[in-house]
Amino acid sequence: MKKALDQAEKKARVRDSKIEELIGQAEVGLSADQQKMLLQILHKTTGEDYFIGKRKKKTDGVKFVQMITENIDYLCEIGYLTQAEKAFLFEISRFLEFKSNVIVEKNVENEGKPSAASPSYLAKKLNKTRTSVSKMMNELLDKGILGVAETGVTTEDGRICSSRTWFVNPNILCNAPKDEVDRATQQIFSKALRNIKVGEAKKKHKLPIYLF
C-alpha cells in the first residue's frame, strides 16, 4: 500500500512539474504539442475538458477601411485626383460593405443586409446636393476609382446588384482582407486603373500595387 501511495505521489509531483514548466513557457508561447500536452494533463487531473482560447481585447471587432497608401501616393503625385475627389473618398469610406466594397446605407436599425447607397442618400448624409454628389461619382467612375454593377450580378455573400449599386475600387480603399476581395468586385475592377492618363498627356501610368 505504501509503495502504491509513493508511486502515486511521485506521479503527481511529475505532473505538477510539467504543468509548472508549461505555464512558465506560456509567456513566450507554447508550441502545438505543448498545448496538447497541457490540455491532456489538465483533463487527467480534473476530469474536465479544457481548450486554449484568446482573451477578447477591446479593439477586437473594430471596423476599419484600409487605404492602399502607395497607390494613393502615386495618384496624388501624378495629379490624377483633385482635392475635392480625395475629400469625397475619405467621406464615403465609412459606407463600404465588408469584402464587397459596395457603398451601402448605414442603418443601425436594419439587422439584414443594408441597401446599396444612392447618390441621393449620400447627398443627405454628407450634407451636399444630389447634383454635386452625382457629378462627383460619375467623374470617379470615369477614372476607375468607382464602379457600378451590371444588373443581376451577385456577390459571394449573396447581394444581388443592380445598375445603381456603386463600388469603390479596392486598389484604392479596401474594406476586406487584401486577399479576400469579393470575386464580383474583382471582376468589376479587373481592367480599371491599368492605363492611367492624366489630362492631355500621352504617357500612361500604372499603379504600384494591384490586389488582383
N, C-alpha and C. Protein backbone atom coordinates (compact mmCIF):
# COMPACT_ATOMS: atom_id res chain seq x y z
N MET A 1 0.83 -1.21 0.00
CA MET A 1 0.00 0.00 0.00
C MET A 1 0.86 1.26 0.00
N LYS A 2 1.90 1.21 0.91
CA LYS A 2 2.79 2.38 0.98
C LYS A 2 3.49 2.61 -0.35
N LYS A 3 3.89 1.49 -1.00
CA LYS A 3 4.57 1.60 -2.29
C LYS A 3 3.66 2.24 -3.34
N ALA A 4 2.40 1.85 -3.32
CA ALA A 4 1.43 2.40 -4.27
C ALA A 4 1.23 3.89 -4.02
N LEU A 5 1.16 4.27 -2.74
CA LEU A 5 0.99 5.69 -2.41
C LEU A 5 2.20 6.50 -2.84
N ASP A 6 3.39 5.91 -2.64
CA ASP A 6 4.62 6.60 -3.04
C ASP A 6 4.66 6.81 -4.55
N GLN A 7 4.24 5.80 -5.29
CA GLN A 7 4.22 5.92 -6.75
C GLN A 7 3.21 6.98 -7.20
N ALA A 8 2.05 7.00 -6.56
CA ALA A 8 1.03 8.00 -6.90
C ALA A 8 1.53 9.40 -6.60
N GLU A 9 2.22 9.54 -5.45
CA GLU A 9 2.76 10.84 -5.09
C GLU A 9 3.84 11.28 -6.07
N LYS A 10 4.65 10.33 -6.49
CA LYS A 10 5.71 10.63 -7.45
C LYS A 10 5.13 11.08 -8.78
N LYS A 11 4.09 10.39 -9.23
CA LYS A 11 3.43 10.77 -10.49
C LYS A 11 2.82 12.16 -10.39
N ALA A 12 2.25 12.45 -9.21
CA ALA A 12 1.63 13.77 -9.02
C ALA A 12 2.68 14.86 -9.08
N ARG A 13 3.86 14.58 -8.46
CA ARG A 13 4.94 15.58 -8.50
C ARG A 13 5.43 15.81 -9.93
N VAL A 14 5.56 14.73 -10.68
CA VAL A 14 5.99 14.85 -12.09
C VAL A 14 4.96 15.63 -12.89
N ARG A 15 3.67 15.31 -12.66
CA ARG A 15 2.60 16.02 -13.36
C ARG A 15 2.60 17.51 -13.03
N ASP A 16 2.73 17.81 -11.72
CA ASP A 16 2.75 19.21 -11.30
C ASP A 16 3.96 19.93 -11.88
N SER A 17 5.08 19.22 -11.95
CA SER A 17 6.29 19.82 -12.51
C SER A 17 6.10 20.17 -13.98
N LYS A 18 5.44 19.26 -14.71
CA LYS A 18 5.19 19.50 -16.13
C LYS A 18 4.25 20.69 -16.32
N ILE A 19 3.23 20.77 -15.46
CA ILE A 19 2.28 21.89 -15.56
C ILE A 19 3.00 23.21 -15.31
N GLU A 20 3.83 23.24 -14.24
CA GLU A 20 4.56 24.47 -13.92
C GLU A 20 5.50 24.85 -15.05
N GLU A 21 6.14 23.85 -15.65
CA GLU A 21 7.07 24.12 -16.75
C GLU A 21 6.34 24.71 -17.95
N LEU A 22 5.20 24.13 -18.27
CA LEU A 22 4.43 24.60 -19.43
C LEU A 22 3.85 25.99 -19.18
N ILE A 23 3.37 26.21 -17.97
CA ILE A 23 2.83 27.53 -17.64
C ILE A 23 3.93 28.58 -17.69
N GLY A 24 5.12 28.20 -17.22
CA GLY A 24 6.25 29.13 -17.28
C GLY A 24 6.63 29.48 -18.69
N GLN A 25 6.47 28.52 -19.61
CA GLN A 25 6.81 28.77 -21.01
C GLN A 25 5.71 29.52 -21.74
N ALA A 26 4.53 29.58 -21.14
CA ALA A 26 3.40 30.23 -21.82
C ALA A 26 3.66 31.69 -22.13
N GLU A 27 4.53 32.32 -21.33
CA GLU A 27 4.83 33.73 -21.55
C GLU A 27 5.53 33.95 -22.89
N VAL A 28 6.27 32.95 -23.35
CA VAL A 28 6.95 33.09 -24.63
C VAL A 28 6.24 32.29 -25.71
N GLY A 29 5.11 31.67 -25.37
CA GLY A 29 4.31 30.94 -26.34
C GLY A 29 4.54 29.45 -26.28
N LEU A 30 3.45 28.68 -26.39
CA LEU A 30 3.53 27.22 -26.38
C LEU A 30 3.40 26.70 -27.80
N SER A 31 4.16 25.66 -28.09
CA SER A 31 4.01 25.01 -29.39
C SER A 31 2.71 24.22 -29.39
N ALA A 32 2.31 23.73 -30.56
CA ALA A 32 1.07 22.95 -30.65
C ALA A 32 1.16 21.69 -29.80
N ASP A 33 2.32 21.03 -29.79
CA ASP A 33 2.49 19.81 -28.99
C ASP A 33 2.42 20.12 -27.50
N GLN A 34 3.01 21.25 -27.09
CA GLN A 34 2.97 21.63 -25.69
C GLN A 34 1.55 21.97 -25.24
N GLN A 35 0.80 22.65 -26.11
CA GLN A 35 -0.59 22.95 -25.79
C GLN A 35 -1.40 21.66 -25.62
N LYS A 36 -1.17 20.72 -26.52
CA LYS A 36 -1.89 19.44 -26.44
C LYS A 36 -1.54 18.70 -25.15
N MET A 37 -0.26 18.72 -24.78
CA MET A 37 0.17 18.05 -23.55
C MET A 37 -0.46 18.69 -22.33
N LEU A 38 -0.50 20.02 -22.31
CA LEU A 38 -1.08 20.73 -21.18
C LEU A 38 -2.55 20.39 -21.02
N LEU A 39 -3.28 20.34 -22.13
CA LEU A 39 -4.70 20.03 -22.08
C LEU A 39 -4.93 18.60 -21.59
N GLN A 40 -4.07 17.68 -22.03
CA GLN A 40 -4.20 16.29 -21.59
C GLN A 40 -3.94 16.15 -20.09
N ILE A 41 -2.93 16.86 -19.60
CA ILE A 41 -2.62 16.81 -18.17
C ILE A 41 -3.77 17.37 -17.34
N LEU A 42 -4.33 18.50 -17.81
CA LEU A 42 -5.44 19.10 -17.08
C LEU A 42 -6.66 18.18 -17.08
N HIS A 43 -6.89 17.52 -18.21
CA HIS A 43 -8.04 16.61 -18.30
C HIS A 43 -7.88 15.43 -17.34
N LYS A 44 -6.66 14.84 -17.31
CA LYS A 44 -6.41 13.71 -16.43
C LYS A 44 -6.47 14.11 -14.96
N THR A 45 -6.08 15.36 -14.70
CA THR A 45 -6.05 15.83 -13.32
C THR A 45 -7.44 16.14 -12.78
N THR A 46 -8.24 16.80 -13.60
CA THR A 46 -9.54 17.29 -13.12
C THR A 46 -10.73 16.52 -13.68
N GLY A 47 -10.50 15.78 -14.78
CA GLY A 47 -11.63 15.11 -15.42
C GLY A 47 -12.44 16.02 -16.31
N GLU A 48 -12.08 17.30 -16.38
CA GLU A 48 -12.79 18.27 -17.20
C GLU A 48 -12.08 18.46 -18.54
N ASP A 49 -12.85 18.87 -19.55
CA ASP A 49 -12.28 19.17 -20.86
C ASP A 49 -11.98 20.66 -20.94
N TYR A 50 -10.77 20.99 -21.36
CA TYR A 50 -10.34 22.38 -21.48
C TYR A 50 -9.96 22.68 -22.92
N PHE A 51 -9.96 23.95 -23.25
CA PHE A 51 -9.43 24.40 -24.54
C PHE A 51 -8.65 25.67 -24.32
N ILE A 52 -7.74 25.95 -25.24
CA ILE A 52 -6.93 27.16 -25.16
C ILE A 52 -7.56 28.21 -26.06
N GLY A 53 -7.95 29.31 -25.47
CA GLY A 53 -8.58 30.38 -26.23
C GLY A 53 -7.86 31.69 -26.04
N LYS A 54 -8.28 32.69 -26.82
CA LYS A 54 -7.68 34.01 -26.76
C LYS A 54 -8.64 34.96 -26.07
N ARG A 55 -8.16 35.67 -25.07
CA ARG A 55 -8.99 36.65 -24.39
C ARG A 55 -9.32 37.80 -25.34
N LYS A 56 -10.58 38.13 -25.44
CA LYS A 56 -11.02 39.19 -26.35
C LYS A 56 -10.53 40.55 -25.87
N LYS A 57 -9.96 41.30 -26.79
CA LYS A 57 -9.49 42.64 -26.47
C LYS A 57 -10.54 43.68 -26.86
N LYS A 58 -10.41 44.85 -26.27
CA LYS A 58 -11.35 45.92 -26.58
C LYS A 58 -11.31 46.30 -28.05
N THR A 59 -10.15 46.11 -28.67
CA THR A 59 -10.00 46.50 -30.08
C THR A 59 -10.50 45.44 -31.05
N ASP A 60 -10.81 44.22 -30.55
CA ASP A 60 -11.35 43.19 -31.43
C ASP A 60 -12.71 43.63 -31.96
N GLY A 61 -12.92 43.46 -33.23
CA GLY A 61 -14.20 43.83 -33.83
C GLY A 61 -14.29 45.28 -34.25
N VAL A 62 -13.22 46.04 -34.08
CA VAL A 62 -13.23 47.44 -34.51
C VAL A 62 -13.27 47.49 -36.04
N LYS A 63 -14.18 48.26 -36.58
CA LYS A 63 -14.31 48.36 -38.03
C LYS A 63 -13.31 49.37 -38.58
N PHE A 64 -12.71 49.03 -39.71
CA PHE A 64 -11.78 49.95 -40.34
C PHE A 64 -11.71 49.68 -41.84
N VAL A 65 -11.26 50.66 -42.59
CA VAL A 65 -11.06 50.54 -44.02
C VAL A 65 -9.58 50.78 -44.30
N GLN A 66 -8.97 49.92 -45.09
CA GLN A 66 -7.56 50.06 -45.41
C GLN A 66 -7.37 51.00 -46.60
N MET A 67 -6.47 51.91 -46.47
CA MET A 67 -6.11 52.81 -47.56
C MET A 67 -4.83 52.26 -48.19
N ILE A 68 -4.85 51.98 -49.47
CA ILE A 68 -3.66 51.46 -50.14
C ILE A 68 -2.75 52.66 -50.40
N THR A 69 -1.93 52.96 -49.43
CA THR A 69 -1.21 54.24 -49.41
C THR A 69 -0.27 54.42 -50.60
N GLU A 70 0.41 53.36 -51.04
CA GLU A 70 1.33 53.52 -52.17
C GLU A 70 0.59 53.94 -53.43
N ASN A 71 -0.61 53.37 -53.63
CA ASN A 71 -1.40 53.73 -54.80
C ASN A 71 -1.93 55.16 -54.70
N ILE A 72 -2.41 55.53 -53.52
CA ILE A 72 -2.92 56.88 -53.34
C ILE A 72 -1.79 57.90 -53.46
N ASP A 73 -0.63 57.58 -52.88
CA ASP A 73 0.54 58.46 -53.03
C ASP A 73 0.84 58.70 -54.50
N TYR A 74 0.83 57.62 -55.26
CA TYR A 74 1.17 57.71 -56.69
C TYR A 74 0.15 58.56 -57.45
N LEU A 75 -1.14 58.31 -57.20
CA LEU A 75 -2.18 59.07 -57.89
C LEU A 75 -2.11 60.56 -57.53
N CYS A 76 -1.75 60.85 -56.28
CA CYS A 76 -1.60 62.25 -55.88
C CYS A 76 -0.39 62.88 -56.56
N GLU A 77 0.70 62.14 -56.66
CA GLU A 77 1.92 62.66 -57.27
C GLU A 77 1.73 62.99 -58.76
N ILE A 78 0.95 62.17 -59.46
CA ILE A 78 0.76 62.43 -60.90
C ILE A 78 -0.42 63.36 -61.15
N GLY A 79 -1.08 63.80 -60.07
CA GLY A 79 -2.18 64.76 -60.22
C GLY A 79 -3.46 64.16 -60.75
N TYR A 80 -3.68 62.87 -60.46
CA TYR A 80 -4.86 62.19 -61.01
C TYR A 80 -6.12 62.52 -60.24
N LEU A 81 -5.99 62.82 -58.97
CA LEU A 81 -7.14 63.11 -58.12
C LEU A 81 -7.16 64.57 -57.71
N THR A 82 -8.33 65.18 -57.77
CA THR A 82 -8.47 66.55 -57.30
C THR A 82 -8.63 66.55 -55.79
N GLN A 83 -8.48 67.70 -55.18
CA GLN A 83 -8.68 67.80 -53.73
C GLN A 83 -10.10 67.41 -53.36
N ALA A 84 -11.06 67.83 -54.17
CA ALA A 84 -12.46 67.50 -53.90
C ALA A 84 -12.70 66.00 -53.98
N GLU A 85 -12.05 65.34 -54.93
CA GLU A 85 -12.21 63.89 -55.08
C GLU A 85 -11.59 63.15 -53.90
N LYS A 86 -10.43 63.61 -53.46
CA LYS A 86 -9.79 62.98 -52.30
C LYS A 86 -10.65 63.14 -51.05
N ALA A 87 -11.23 64.31 -50.88
CA ALA A 87 -12.09 64.55 -49.72
C ALA A 87 -13.34 63.69 -49.80
N PHE A 88 -13.90 63.53 -50.98
CA PHE A 88 -15.10 62.72 -51.16
C PHE A 88 -14.83 61.25 -50.84
N LEU A 89 -13.69 60.74 -51.28
CA LEU A 89 -13.33 59.35 -51.00
C LEU A 89 -13.19 59.12 -49.50
N PHE A 90 -12.60 60.09 -48.82
CA PHE A 90 -12.48 59.97 -47.36
C PHE A 90 -13.86 59.91 -46.72
N GLU A 91 -14.78 60.73 -47.19
CA GLU A 91 -16.10 60.81 -46.59
C GLU A 91 -16.91 59.54 -46.81
N ILE A 92 -16.76 58.90 -47.98
CA ILE A 92 -17.58 57.72 -48.24
C ILE A 92 -16.92 56.43 -47.75
N SER A 93 -15.69 56.51 -47.25
CA SER A 93 -15.00 55.30 -46.80
C SER A 93 -15.77 54.58 -45.69
N ARG A 94 -16.54 55.33 -44.90
CA ARG A 94 -17.27 54.71 -43.79
C ARG A 94 -18.53 53.99 -44.25
N PHE A 95 -18.86 54.06 -45.54
CA PHE A 95 -20.06 53.41 -46.06
C PHE A 95 -19.75 52.11 -46.81
N LEU A 96 -18.51 51.64 -46.75
CA LEU A 96 -18.14 50.47 -47.54
C LEU A 96 -18.54 49.17 -46.84
N GLU A 97 -19.13 48.28 -47.61
CA GLU A 97 -19.53 46.97 -47.12
C GLU A 97 -18.32 46.04 -47.08
N PHE A 98 -18.26 45.21 -46.04
CA PHE A 98 -17.13 44.30 -45.86
C PHE A 98 -17.03 43.31 -47.02
N LYS A 99 -15.83 43.18 -47.55
CA LYS A 99 -15.44 42.27 -48.63
C LYS A 99 -15.90 42.71 -50.02
N SER A 100 -17.15 43.19 -50.15
CA SER A 100 -17.64 43.56 -51.48
C SER A 100 -17.23 44.97 -51.89
N ASN A 101 -16.97 45.84 -50.90
CA ASN A 101 -16.66 47.25 -51.15
C ASN A 101 -17.82 48.01 -51.79
N VAL A 102 -19.03 47.47 -51.63
CA VAL A 102 -20.23 48.19 -52.09
C VAL A 102 -20.46 49.38 -51.16
N ILE A 103 -20.86 50.51 -51.74
CA ILE A 103 -21.24 51.67 -50.94
C ILE A 103 -22.67 51.45 -50.46
N VAL A 104 -22.85 51.31 -49.15
CA VAL A 104 -24.16 50.94 -48.61
C VAL A 104 -24.66 51.98 -47.61
N GLU A 105 -25.96 51.90 -47.36
CA GLU A 105 -26.56 52.77 -46.35
C GLU A 105 -26.18 52.28 -44.96
N LYS A 106 -25.97 53.20 -44.05
CA LYS A 106 -25.67 52.86 -42.66
C LYS A 106 -26.95 53.00 -41.86
N ASN A 107 -27.61 51.88 -41.65
CA ASN A 107 -28.88 51.88 -40.92
C ASN A 107 -28.76 50.92 -39.75
N VAL A 108 -28.53 51.45 -38.56
CA VAL A 108 -28.30 50.60 -37.39
C VAL A 108 -29.56 49.83 -36.99
N GLU A 109 -30.73 50.27 -37.44
CA GLU A 109 -31.97 49.59 -37.07
C GLU A 109 -32.25 48.40 -37.97
N ASN A 110 -31.58 48.32 -39.10
CA ASN A 110 -31.80 47.23 -40.05
C ASN A 110 -30.77 46.14 -39.81
N GLU A 111 -31.21 44.99 -39.30
CA GLU A 111 -30.29 43.90 -38.99
C GLU A 111 -29.96 43.07 -40.22
N GLY A 112 -30.72 43.22 -41.29
CA GLY A 112 -30.45 42.47 -42.51
C GLY A 112 -29.36 43.14 -43.34
N LYS A 113 -29.28 42.73 -44.59
CA LYS A 113 -28.28 43.29 -45.50
C LYS A 113 -28.66 44.74 -45.83
N PRO A 114 -27.76 45.69 -45.62
CA PRO A 114 -28.09 47.09 -45.88
C PRO A 114 -28.30 47.34 -47.37
N SER A 115 -29.10 48.33 -47.66
CA SER A 115 -29.36 48.68 -49.06
C SER A 115 -28.16 49.39 -49.66
N ALA A 116 -27.99 49.23 -50.96
CA ALA A 116 -26.95 49.97 -51.66
C ALA A 116 -27.27 51.45 -51.60
N ALA A 117 -26.26 52.25 -51.34
CA ALA A 117 -26.48 53.70 -51.18
C ALA A 117 -26.62 54.38 -52.53
N SER A 118 -27.58 55.24 -52.64
CA SER A 118 -27.78 56.03 -53.85
C SER A 118 -27.12 57.40 -53.70
N PRO A 119 -26.91 58.12 -54.81
CA PRO A 119 -26.38 59.48 -54.70
C PRO A 119 -27.25 60.36 -53.81
N SER A 120 -28.56 60.15 -53.85
CA SER A 120 -29.47 60.96 -53.02
C SER A 120 -29.22 60.69 -51.54
N TYR A 121 -29.04 59.41 -51.19
CA TYR A 121 -28.76 59.05 -49.80
C TYR A 121 -27.44 59.67 -49.34
N LEU A 122 -26.40 59.54 -50.15
CA LEU A 122 -25.10 60.08 -49.79
C LEU A 122 -25.15 61.61 -49.68
N ALA A 123 -25.90 62.24 -50.57
CA ALA A 123 -26.02 63.70 -50.52
C ALA A 123 -26.62 64.14 -49.19
N LYS A 124 -27.62 63.40 -48.72
CA LYS A 124 -28.26 63.73 -47.45
C LYS A 124 -27.29 63.52 -46.29
N LYS A 125 -26.56 62.39 -46.30
CA LYS A 125 -25.64 62.08 -45.21
C LYS A 125 -24.44 63.01 -45.18
N LEU A 126 -24.00 63.46 -46.36
CA LEU A 126 -22.81 64.30 -46.44
C LEU A 126 -23.15 65.79 -46.48
N ASN A 127 -24.44 66.09 -46.39
CA ASN A 127 -24.89 67.49 -46.41
C ASN A 127 -24.46 68.19 -47.69
N LYS A 128 -24.69 67.51 -48.81
CA LYS A 128 -24.36 68.08 -50.11
C LYS A 128 -25.59 67.97 -51.01
N THR A 129 -25.53 68.61 -52.17
CA THR A 129 -26.65 68.49 -53.11
C THR A 129 -26.52 67.19 -53.89
N ARG A 130 -27.67 66.66 -54.32
CA ARG A 130 -27.64 65.43 -55.10
C ARG A 130 -26.88 65.64 -56.40
N THR A 131 -27.04 66.80 -56.99
CA THR A 131 -26.37 67.08 -58.25
C THR A 131 -24.85 67.02 -58.11
N SER A 132 -24.33 67.62 -57.04
CA SER A 132 -22.88 67.65 -56.85
C SER A 132 -22.33 66.25 -56.55
N VAL A 133 -23.08 65.46 -55.75
CA VAL A 133 -22.63 64.10 -55.43
C VAL A 133 -22.68 63.22 -56.67
N SER A 134 -23.75 63.32 -57.43
CA SER A 134 -23.87 62.53 -58.65
C SER A 134 -22.77 62.87 -59.64
N LYS A 135 -22.46 64.15 -59.78
CA LYS A 135 -21.39 64.59 -60.68
C LYS A 135 -20.04 64.02 -60.22
N MET A 136 -19.78 64.10 -58.92
CA MET A 136 -18.52 63.59 -58.38
C MET A 136 -18.39 62.08 -58.61
N MET A 137 -19.47 61.35 -58.36
CA MET A 137 -19.43 59.90 -58.51
C MET A 137 -19.22 59.49 -59.96
N ASN A 138 -19.81 60.20 -60.87
CA ASN A 138 -19.62 59.88 -62.28
C ASN A 138 -18.21 60.21 -62.76
N GLU A 139 -17.63 61.27 -62.21
CA GLU A 139 -16.26 61.61 -62.56
C GLU A 139 -15.29 60.53 -62.04
N LEU A 140 -15.54 60.04 -60.82
CA LEU A 140 -14.70 58.98 -60.26
C LEU A 140 -14.97 57.65 -60.96
N LEU A 141 -16.17 57.47 -61.48
CA LEU A 141 -16.48 56.29 -62.28
C LEU A 141 -15.64 56.29 -63.56
N ASP A 142 -15.59 57.43 -64.23
CA ASP A 142 -14.78 57.56 -65.45
C ASP A 142 -13.30 57.31 -65.18
N LYS A 143 -12.85 57.64 -63.96
CA LYS A 143 -11.43 57.47 -63.62
C LYS A 143 -11.10 56.07 -63.12
N GLY A 144 -12.11 55.22 -62.94
CA GLY A 144 -11.86 53.86 -62.47
C GLY A 144 -11.75 53.74 -60.96
N ILE A 145 -12.04 54.82 -60.25
CA ILE A 145 -11.99 54.80 -58.79
C ILE A 145 -13.27 54.18 -58.23
N LEU A 146 -14.40 54.51 -58.84
CA LEU A 146 -15.68 53.91 -58.51
C LEU A 146 -16.12 52.99 -59.64
N GLY A 147 -17.04 52.12 -59.35
CA GLY A 147 -17.59 51.23 -60.36
C GLY A 147 -19.05 50.96 -60.06
N VAL A 148 -19.79 50.52 -61.07
CA VAL A 148 -21.18 50.12 -60.89
C VAL A 148 -21.35 48.71 -61.44
N ALA A 149 -22.29 47.99 -60.85
CA ALA A 149 -22.51 46.60 -61.25
C ALA A 149 -23.49 46.53 -62.40
N GLU A 150 -23.37 45.48 -63.18
CA GLU A 150 -24.40 45.17 -64.15
C GLU A 150 -25.57 44.53 -63.41
N THR A 151 -26.77 44.79 -63.86
CA THR A 151 -27.96 44.25 -63.21
C THR A 151 -27.89 42.73 -63.15
N GLY A 152 -28.14 42.18 -61.96
CA GLY A 152 -28.15 40.73 -61.79
C GLY A 152 -26.87 40.15 -61.24
N VAL A 153 -25.80 40.96 -61.15
CA VAL A 153 -24.56 40.47 -60.56
C VAL A 153 -24.78 40.13 -59.09
N THR A 154 -24.27 39.00 -58.64
CA THR A 154 -24.42 38.58 -57.25
C THR A 154 -23.06 38.43 -56.61
N THR A 155 -22.87 39.06 -55.46
CA THR A 155 -21.60 38.94 -54.74
C THR A 155 -21.57 37.62 -53.98
N GLU A 156 -20.40 37.26 -53.47
CA GLU A 156 -20.24 35.99 -52.78
C GLU A 156 -21.10 35.87 -51.53
N ASP A 157 -21.41 36.99 -50.91
CA ASP A 157 -22.25 36.93 -49.70
C ASP A 157 -23.74 37.05 -50.02
N GLY A 158 -24.09 36.99 -51.32
CA GLY A 158 -25.49 36.93 -51.71
C GLY A 158 -26.15 38.24 -52.06
N ARG A 159 -25.40 39.33 -52.14
CA ARG A 159 -26.00 40.61 -52.53
C ARG A 159 -26.29 40.58 -54.03
N ILE A 160 -27.54 40.79 -54.39
CA ILE A 160 -27.91 40.88 -55.80
C ILE A 160 -27.87 42.35 -56.21
N CYS A 161 -27.00 42.65 -57.15
CA CYS A 161 -26.73 44.04 -57.50
C CYS A 161 -27.61 44.51 -58.66
N SER A 162 -27.75 45.81 -58.73
CA SER A 162 -28.43 46.44 -59.86
C SER A 162 -27.47 47.48 -60.46
N SER A 163 -27.91 48.12 -61.52
CA SER A 163 -27.06 49.13 -62.16
C SER A 163 -26.85 50.34 -61.27
N ARG A 164 -27.58 50.40 -60.14
CA ARG A 164 -27.43 51.51 -59.20
C ARG A 164 -26.58 51.11 -58.00
N THR A 165 -25.95 49.94 -58.06
CA THR A 165 -25.08 49.50 -56.98
C THR A 165 -23.67 50.00 -57.24
N TRP A 166 -23.19 50.88 -56.37
CA TRP A 166 -21.88 51.51 -56.55
C TRP A 166 -20.82 50.82 -55.69
N PHE A 167 -19.63 50.68 -56.25
CA PHE A 167 -18.49 50.07 -55.57
C PHE A 167 -17.33 51.06 -55.55
N VAL A 168 -16.44 50.89 -54.57
CA VAL A 168 -15.16 51.61 -54.56
C VAL A 168 -14.07 50.61 -54.92
N ASN A 169 -13.16 51.04 -55.77
CA ASN A 169 -12.06 50.17 -56.20
C ASN A 169 -11.20 49.78 -55.00
N PRO A 170 -11.10 48.47 -54.69
CA PRO A 170 -10.30 48.04 -53.54
C PRO A 170 -8.81 48.35 -53.67
N ASN A 171 -8.35 48.65 -54.86
CA ASN A 171 -6.95 49.04 -55.03
C ASN A 171 -6.69 50.45 -54.51
N ILE A 172 -7.76 51.12 -54.10
CA ILE A 172 -7.64 52.46 -53.51
C ILE A 172 -8.06 52.43 -52.04
N LEU A 173 -9.28 52.03 -51.77
CA LEU A 173 -9.79 51.83 -50.41
C LEU A 173 -10.33 50.41 -50.33
N CYS A 174 -9.95 49.67 -49.31
CA CYS A 174 -10.32 48.26 -49.24
C CYS A 174 -10.88 47.91 -47.87
N ASN A 175 -12.14 47.48 -47.84
CA ASN A 175 -12.74 47.02 -46.59
C ASN A 175 -12.82 45.49 -46.62
N ALA A 176 -11.64 44.86 -46.63
CA ALA A 176 -11.56 43.41 -46.69
C ALA A 176 -10.12 42.99 -46.46
N PRO A 177 -9.90 41.74 -46.01
CA PRO A 177 -8.54 41.23 -46.07
C PRO A 177 -8.05 41.32 -47.51
N LYS A 178 -6.84 41.73 -47.72
CA LYS A 178 -6.38 42.06 -49.08
C LYS A 178 -6.41 40.89 -50.05
N ASP A 179 -6.44 39.66 -49.54
CA ASP A 179 -6.52 38.50 -50.43
C ASP A 179 -7.90 37.86 -50.43
N GLU A 180 -8.91 38.58 -49.91
CA GLU A 180 -10.26 38.03 -49.85
C GLU A 180 -11.29 38.99 -50.42
N VAL A 181 -10.89 39.84 -51.37
CA VAL A 181 -11.84 40.75 -52.01
C VAL A 181 -12.84 39.91 -52.81
N ASP A 182 -14.12 40.27 -52.71
CA ASP A 182 -15.18 39.54 -53.39
C ASP A 182 -14.88 39.39 -54.89
N ARG A 183 -15.16 38.20 -55.43
CA ARG A 183 -14.84 37.94 -56.84
C ARG A 183 -15.64 38.82 -57.79
N ALA A 184 -16.88 39.13 -57.43
CA ALA A 184 -17.68 40.02 -58.27
C ALA A 184 -17.05 41.41 -58.32
N THR A 185 -16.55 41.87 -57.19
CA THR A 185 -15.87 43.17 -57.13
C THR A 185 -14.59 43.15 -57.95
N GLN A 186 -13.85 42.06 -57.87
CA GLN A 186 -12.63 41.93 -58.67
C GLN A 186 -12.95 42.02 -60.16
N GLN A 187 -14.06 41.39 -60.56
CA GLN A 187 -14.44 41.41 -61.98
C GLN A 187 -14.78 42.82 -62.43
N ILE A 188 -15.49 43.57 -61.59
CA ILE A 188 -15.88 44.93 -61.94
C ILE A 188 -14.67 45.82 -62.18
N PHE A 189 -13.60 45.62 -61.38
CA PHE A 189 -12.43 46.49 -61.48
C PHE A 189 -11.23 45.81 -62.12
N SER A 190 -11.46 44.70 -62.82
CA SER A 190 -10.34 43.94 -63.38
C SER A 190 -9.51 44.74 -64.39
N LYS A 191 -10.14 45.69 -65.08
CA LYS A 191 -9.42 46.48 -66.08
C LYS A 191 -9.23 47.94 -65.66
N ALA A 192 -9.71 48.28 -64.47
CA ALA A 192 -9.65 49.68 -64.02
C ALA A 192 -8.24 50.05 -63.57
N LEU A 193 -7.86 51.30 -63.83
CA LEU A 193 -6.58 51.86 -63.41
C LEU A 193 -5.38 51.06 -63.92
N ARG A 194 -5.50 50.55 -65.14
CA ARG A 194 -4.40 49.80 -65.73
C ARG A 194 -3.59 50.67 -66.68
N ASN A 195 -4.23 51.58 -67.35
CA ASN A 195 -3.56 52.52 -68.25
C ASN A 195 -4.07 53.92 -67.95
N ILE A 196 -3.50 54.53 -66.94
CA ILE A 196 -3.99 55.81 -66.43
C ILE A 196 -3.42 56.96 -67.25
N LYS A 197 -4.31 57.83 -67.68
CA LYS A 197 -3.88 59.04 -68.40
C LYS A 197 -4.28 60.26 -67.59
N VAL A 198 -3.38 61.22 -67.54
CA VAL A 198 -3.63 62.45 -66.80
C VAL A 198 -3.73 63.60 -67.79
N GLY A 199 -4.93 64.19 -67.86
CA GLY A 199 -5.13 65.31 -68.77
C GLY A 199 -4.90 64.91 -70.22
N GLU A 200 -4.19 65.78 -70.94
CA GLU A 200 -3.91 65.54 -72.36
C GLU A 200 -2.58 64.85 -72.59
N ALA A 201 -1.88 64.52 -71.52
CA ALA A 201 -0.57 63.87 -71.65
C ALA A 201 -0.73 62.48 -72.28
N LYS A 202 0.24 62.11 -73.10
CA LYS A 202 0.19 60.81 -73.78
C LYS A 202 0.69 59.68 -72.89
N LYS A 203 1.49 60.01 -71.90
CA LYS A 203 2.06 58.98 -71.04
C LYS A 203 0.96 58.26 -70.26
N LYS A 204 1.11 56.95 -70.18
CA LYS A 204 0.17 56.14 -69.41
C LYS A 204 0.84 55.63 -68.15
N HIS A 205 0.07 55.56 -67.09
CA HIS A 205 0.60 55.17 -65.78
C HIS A 205 -0.07 53.90 -65.29
N LYS A 206 0.62 53.19 -64.40
CA LYS A 206 0.07 52.02 -63.72
C LYS A 206 0.28 52.18 -62.22
N LEU A 207 -0.61 51.60 -61.46
CA LEU A 207 -0.49 51.66 -60.01
C LEU A 207 0.70 50.83 -59.53
N PRO A 208 1.33 51.22 -58.43
CA PRO A 208 2.42 50.40 -57.88
C PRO A 208 1.96 49.03 -57.42
N ILE A 209 0.69 48.93 -56.95
CA ILE A 209 0.19 47.68 -56.37
C ILE A 209 -1.21 47.39 -56.91
N TYR A 210 -1.41 46.13 -57.30
CA TYR A 210 -2.75 45.64 -57.65
C TYR A 210 -3.05 44.43 -56.76
N LEU A 211 -4.19 44.47 -56.08
CA LEU A 211 -4.56 43.37 -55.19
C LEU A 211 -5.07 42.17 -55.96
N PHE A 212 -5.46 42.36 -57.21
CA PHE A 212 -5.99 41.26 -58.03
C PHE A 212 -5.78 41.59 -59.50
